Amino acid sequence: MRSTLSATLALGSVCILGMGAHAADAIIHLGDARVRYDDTRWQATERSGRVQFTPLGENARRLDPADLRILDDSATCTDLALQAYELGYYDTRALAPTPTVVGGVKGERFEAHTGCRNATPRGVIICVKTKGSAYLLQSLNTGCQGNNLFSGIDPLSEIANGMTFKPDAP
């Protein structure tokens, strides 16, 4: 009986370790940005100057999709954020950036509440400018629904934490 219990516990430990090994990181590139993400949590789809991150499985109930876009850096981050917020119902009258760092590069983070009657998640945009390009990482809702309102989950932190940028050539 004792050896059966030991064997069962050992097999359970191997299964748990195997499950952790299955959660592999994937990498996707957009311009000079390199994004490492958990492909058991996110599906990344690249489409003409953008990567769409769609939450998978059980995560789809708690996380909203995110997009990473690469744009010309001629406009300010505030102007780029205002343009992006036009896709939804966002109140941008008091829009103010807060400083952030993504992949070692200084950027700006914006948050705007929706103008929907029902409670919906804030729209969040992170803007980083480097080497002549602006990178917008955003989680926006085009309608009056969303998944992460009371989850306490920052919709962009996981993706932003996996971002790095190519170093300048010597």
Protein backbone atom coordinates (compact mmCIF):
# COMPACT_ATOMS: atom_id res chain seq x y z
CA MET A 1 0.00 0.00 0.00
CA ARG A 2 2.82 2.40 0.92
CA SER A 3 4.72 1.74 -2.32
CA THR A 4 1.52 2.24 -4.34
CA LEU A 5 0.96 5.60 -2.63
CA SER A 6 4.60 6.60 -3.26
CA ALA A 7 4.32 5.60 -6.91
CA THR A 8 1.08 7.56 -7.28
CA LEU A 9 2.63 10.66 -5.70
CA ALA A 10 5.72 10.35 -7.91
CA LEU A 11 3.56 9.99 -11.03
CA GLY A 12 1.50 13.01 -9.95
CA SER A 13 4.68 15.07 -9.53
CA VAL A 14 5.87 14.07 -13.01
CA CYS A 15 2.49 15.04 -14.48
CA ILE A 16 2.55 18.43 -12.74
CA LEU A 17 6.12 19.07 -13.91
CA GLY A 18 5.15 17.99 -17.40
CA MET A 19 2.26 20.45 -17.40
CA GLY A 20 4.64 23.29 -16.52
CA ALA A 21 6.99 22.24 -19.29
CA HIS A 22 4.08 22.34 -21.75
CA ALA A 23 3.50 26.04 -21.05
CA ALA A 24 6.07 27.17 -23.58
CA ASP A 25 6.91 30.72 -24.49
CA ALA A 26 6.48 31.77 -28.07
CA ILE A 27 8.07 34.77 -29.74
CA ILE A 28 6.66 37.09 -32.37
CA HIS A 29 8.37 40.06 -34.02
CA LEU A 30 6.97 43.37 -35.21
CA GLY A 31 9.49 45.89 -36.51
CA ASP A 32 12.20 46.21 -33.85
CA ALA A 33 9.90 44.77 -31.18
CA ARG A 34 10.23 41.21 -29.98
CA VAL A 35 7.38 39.86 -27.87
CA ARG A 36 7.69 36.74 -25.74
CA TYR A 37 4.30 35.39 -24.67
CA ASP A 38 2.73 32.25 -23.25
CA ASP A 39 1.14 30.46 -26.20
CA THR A 40 -1.09 28.44 -23.88
CA ARG A 41 -2.69 31.72 -22.75
CA TRP A 42 -2.55 33.80 -25.94
CA GLN A 43 -2.85 33.32 -29.69
CA ALA A 44 -0.81 35.88 -31.62
CA THR A 45 -1.84 36.73 -35.17
CA GLU A 46 0.23 39.10 -37.29
CA ARG A 47 -1.63 41.24 -39.81
CA SER A 48 -0.17 44.18 -41.75
CA GLY A 49 1.70 46.23 -39.17
CA ARG A 50 -0.01 44.76 -36.11
CA VAL A 51 -0.12 41.71 -33.89
CA GLN A 52 -3.42 40.71 -32.35
CA PHE A 53 -3.23 38.83 -29.05
CA THR A 54 -6.36 36.80 -28.35
CA PRO A 55 -6.76 35.08 -24.96
CA LEU A 56 -7.27 31.31 -25.17
CA GLY A 57 -9.44 28.87 -23.26
CA GLU A 58 -10.39 29.83 -19.71
CA ASN A 59 -8.34 33.04 -20.07
CA ALA A 60 -10.86 34.36 -22.59
CA ARG A 61 -13.31 34.82 -19.70
CA ARG A 62 -10.90 37.05 -17.72
CA LEU A 63 -8.71 38.78 -20.28
CA ASP A 64 -9.58 41.15 -23.09
CA PRO A 65 -7.73 40.95 -26.41
CA ALA A 66 -4.73 43.21 -26.97
CA ASP A 67 -3.16 44.64 -30.11
CA LEU A 68 0.38 45.77 -30.80
CA ARG A 69 0.64 48.24 -33.68
CA ILE A 70 3.64 49.88 -35.29
CA LEU A 71 3.15 53.40 -36.62
CA ASP A 72 5.19 56.33 -37.89
CA ASP A 73 6.41 58.36 -34.91
CA SER A 74 5.62 61.80 -36.37
CA ALA A 75 2.59 62.26 -34.11
CA THR A 76 2.83 62.53 -30.32
CA CYS A 77 1.84 59.57 -28.17
CA THR A 78 -1.12 61.59 -26.91
CA ASP A 79 -2.35 62.18 -30.47
CA LEU A 80 -1.88 58.51 -31.34
CA ALA A 81 -3.81 57.48 -28.23
CA LEU A 82 -6.65 59.89 -29.04
CA GLN A 83 -6.88 58.43 -32.55
CA ALA A 84 -6.98 54.90 -31.16
CA TYR A 85 -9.69 55.77 -28.63
CA GLU A 86 -11.92 56.96 -31.48
CA LEU A 87 -12.59 53.27 -32.24
CA GLY A 88 -14.77 52.93 -29.14
CA TYR A 89 -16.91 54.92 -26.74
CA TYR A 90 -14.21 56.54 -24.63
CA ASP A 91 -14.25 59.72 -22.58
CA THR A 92 -10.89 61.30 -23.41
CA ARG A 93 -11.56 64.80 -22.02
CA ALA A 94 -9.19 64.23 -19.07
CA LEU A 95 -6.71 61.97 -20.87
CA ALA A 96 -3.28 62.28 -19.27
CA PRO A 97 -0.24 60.04 -19.80
CA THR A 98 1.63 58.35 -16.99
CA PRO A 99 5.26 57.37 -17.50
CA THR A 100 6.10 53.71 -18.05
CA VAL A 101 8.97 51.61 -19.35
CA VAL A 102 8.60 48.76 -21.84
CA GLY A 103 11.58 46.66 -22.81
CA GLY A 104 13.96 49.24 -21.37
CA VAL A 105 12.42 52.08 -23.43
CA LYS A 106 10.53 54.96 -21.81
CA GLY A 107 6.93 55.30 -22.87
CA GLU A 108 3.55 56.65 -21.88
CA ARG A 109 0.48 54.84 -20.58
CA PHE A 110 -3.04 56.13 -21.14
CA GLU A 111 -6.33 55.00 -19.61
CA ALA A 112 -9.81 56.16 -20.55
CA HIS A 113 -13.21 55.21 -19.20
CA THR A 114 -15.95 54.28 -21.59
CA GLY A 115 -18.99 56.40 -22.18
CA CYS A 116 -21.22 53.32 -21.91
CA ARG A 117 -24.07 53.24 -19.41
CA ASN A 118 -23.02 49.86 -18.04
CA ALA A 119 -19.70 49.38 -16.32
CA THR A 120 -17.03 48.30 -18.81
CA PRO A 121 -13.25 47.99 -18.58
CA ARG A 122 -11.09 51.03 -19.16
CA GLY A 123 -9.36 51.30 -22.49
CA VAL A 124 -5.62 51.09 -21.93
CA ILE A 125 -2.89 52.16 -24.37
CA ILE A 126 0.87 52.07 -23.93
CA CYS A 127 2.91 54.09 -26.43
CA VAL A 128 6.66 53.61 -26.89
CA LYS A 129 8.75 55.46 -29.48
CA THR A 130 12.06 54.09 -30.66
CA LYS A 131 14.15 54.26 -33.85
CA GLY A 132 11.61 56.25 -35.87
CA SER A 133 8.60 54.11 -35.00
CA ALA A 134 5.81 54.34 -32.47
CA TYR A 135 4.59 51.11 -30.89
CA LEU A 136 1.04 51.15 -29.52
CA LEU A 137 0.07 48.29 -27.26
CA GLN A 138 -3.64 48.60 -26.64
CA SER A 139 -6.62 46.90 -25.08
CA LEU A 140 -9.75 48.61 -26.34
CA ASN A 141 -13.40 47.64 -26.64
CA THR A 142 -15.30 48.77 -29.74
CA GLY A 143 -18.60 48.27 -27.93
CA CYS A 144 -19.94 48.36 -24.41
CA GLN A 145 -18.70 44.98 -23.20
CA GLY A 146 -15.46 43.53 -21.90
CA ASN A 147 -14.13 40.83 -19.62
CA ASN A 148 -11.73 42.30 -17.11
CA LEU A 149 -13.64 45.03 -15.27
CA PHE A 150 -13.44 43.59 -11.76
CA SER A 151 -10.74 40.96 -12.31
CA GLY A 152 -7.90 43.16 -11.06
CA ILE A 153 -5.90 42.07 -14.12
CA ASP A 154 -3.99 44.74 -16.03
CA PRO A 155 -4.93 43.92 -19.62
CA LEU A 156 -1.52 44.81 -21.03
CA SER A 157 1.03 43.98 -18.34
CA GLU A 158 1.66 40.39 -19.43
CA ILE A 159 2.27 41.36 -23.06
CA ALA A 160 4.30 44.48 -22.16
CA ASN A 161 6.48 42.51 -19.75
CA GLY A 162 7.45 40.19 -22.60
CA MET A 163 8.52 43.00 -24.97
CA THR A 164 12.07 43.93 -25.87
CA PHE A 165 13.50 46.04 -28.69
CA LYS A 166 16.49 45.39 -30.94
CA PRO A 167 19.52 47.31 -29.69
CA ASP A 168 21.02 50.03 -31.84
CA ALA A 169 23.69 48.75 -34.23
CA PRO A 170 27.24 49.65 -33.13
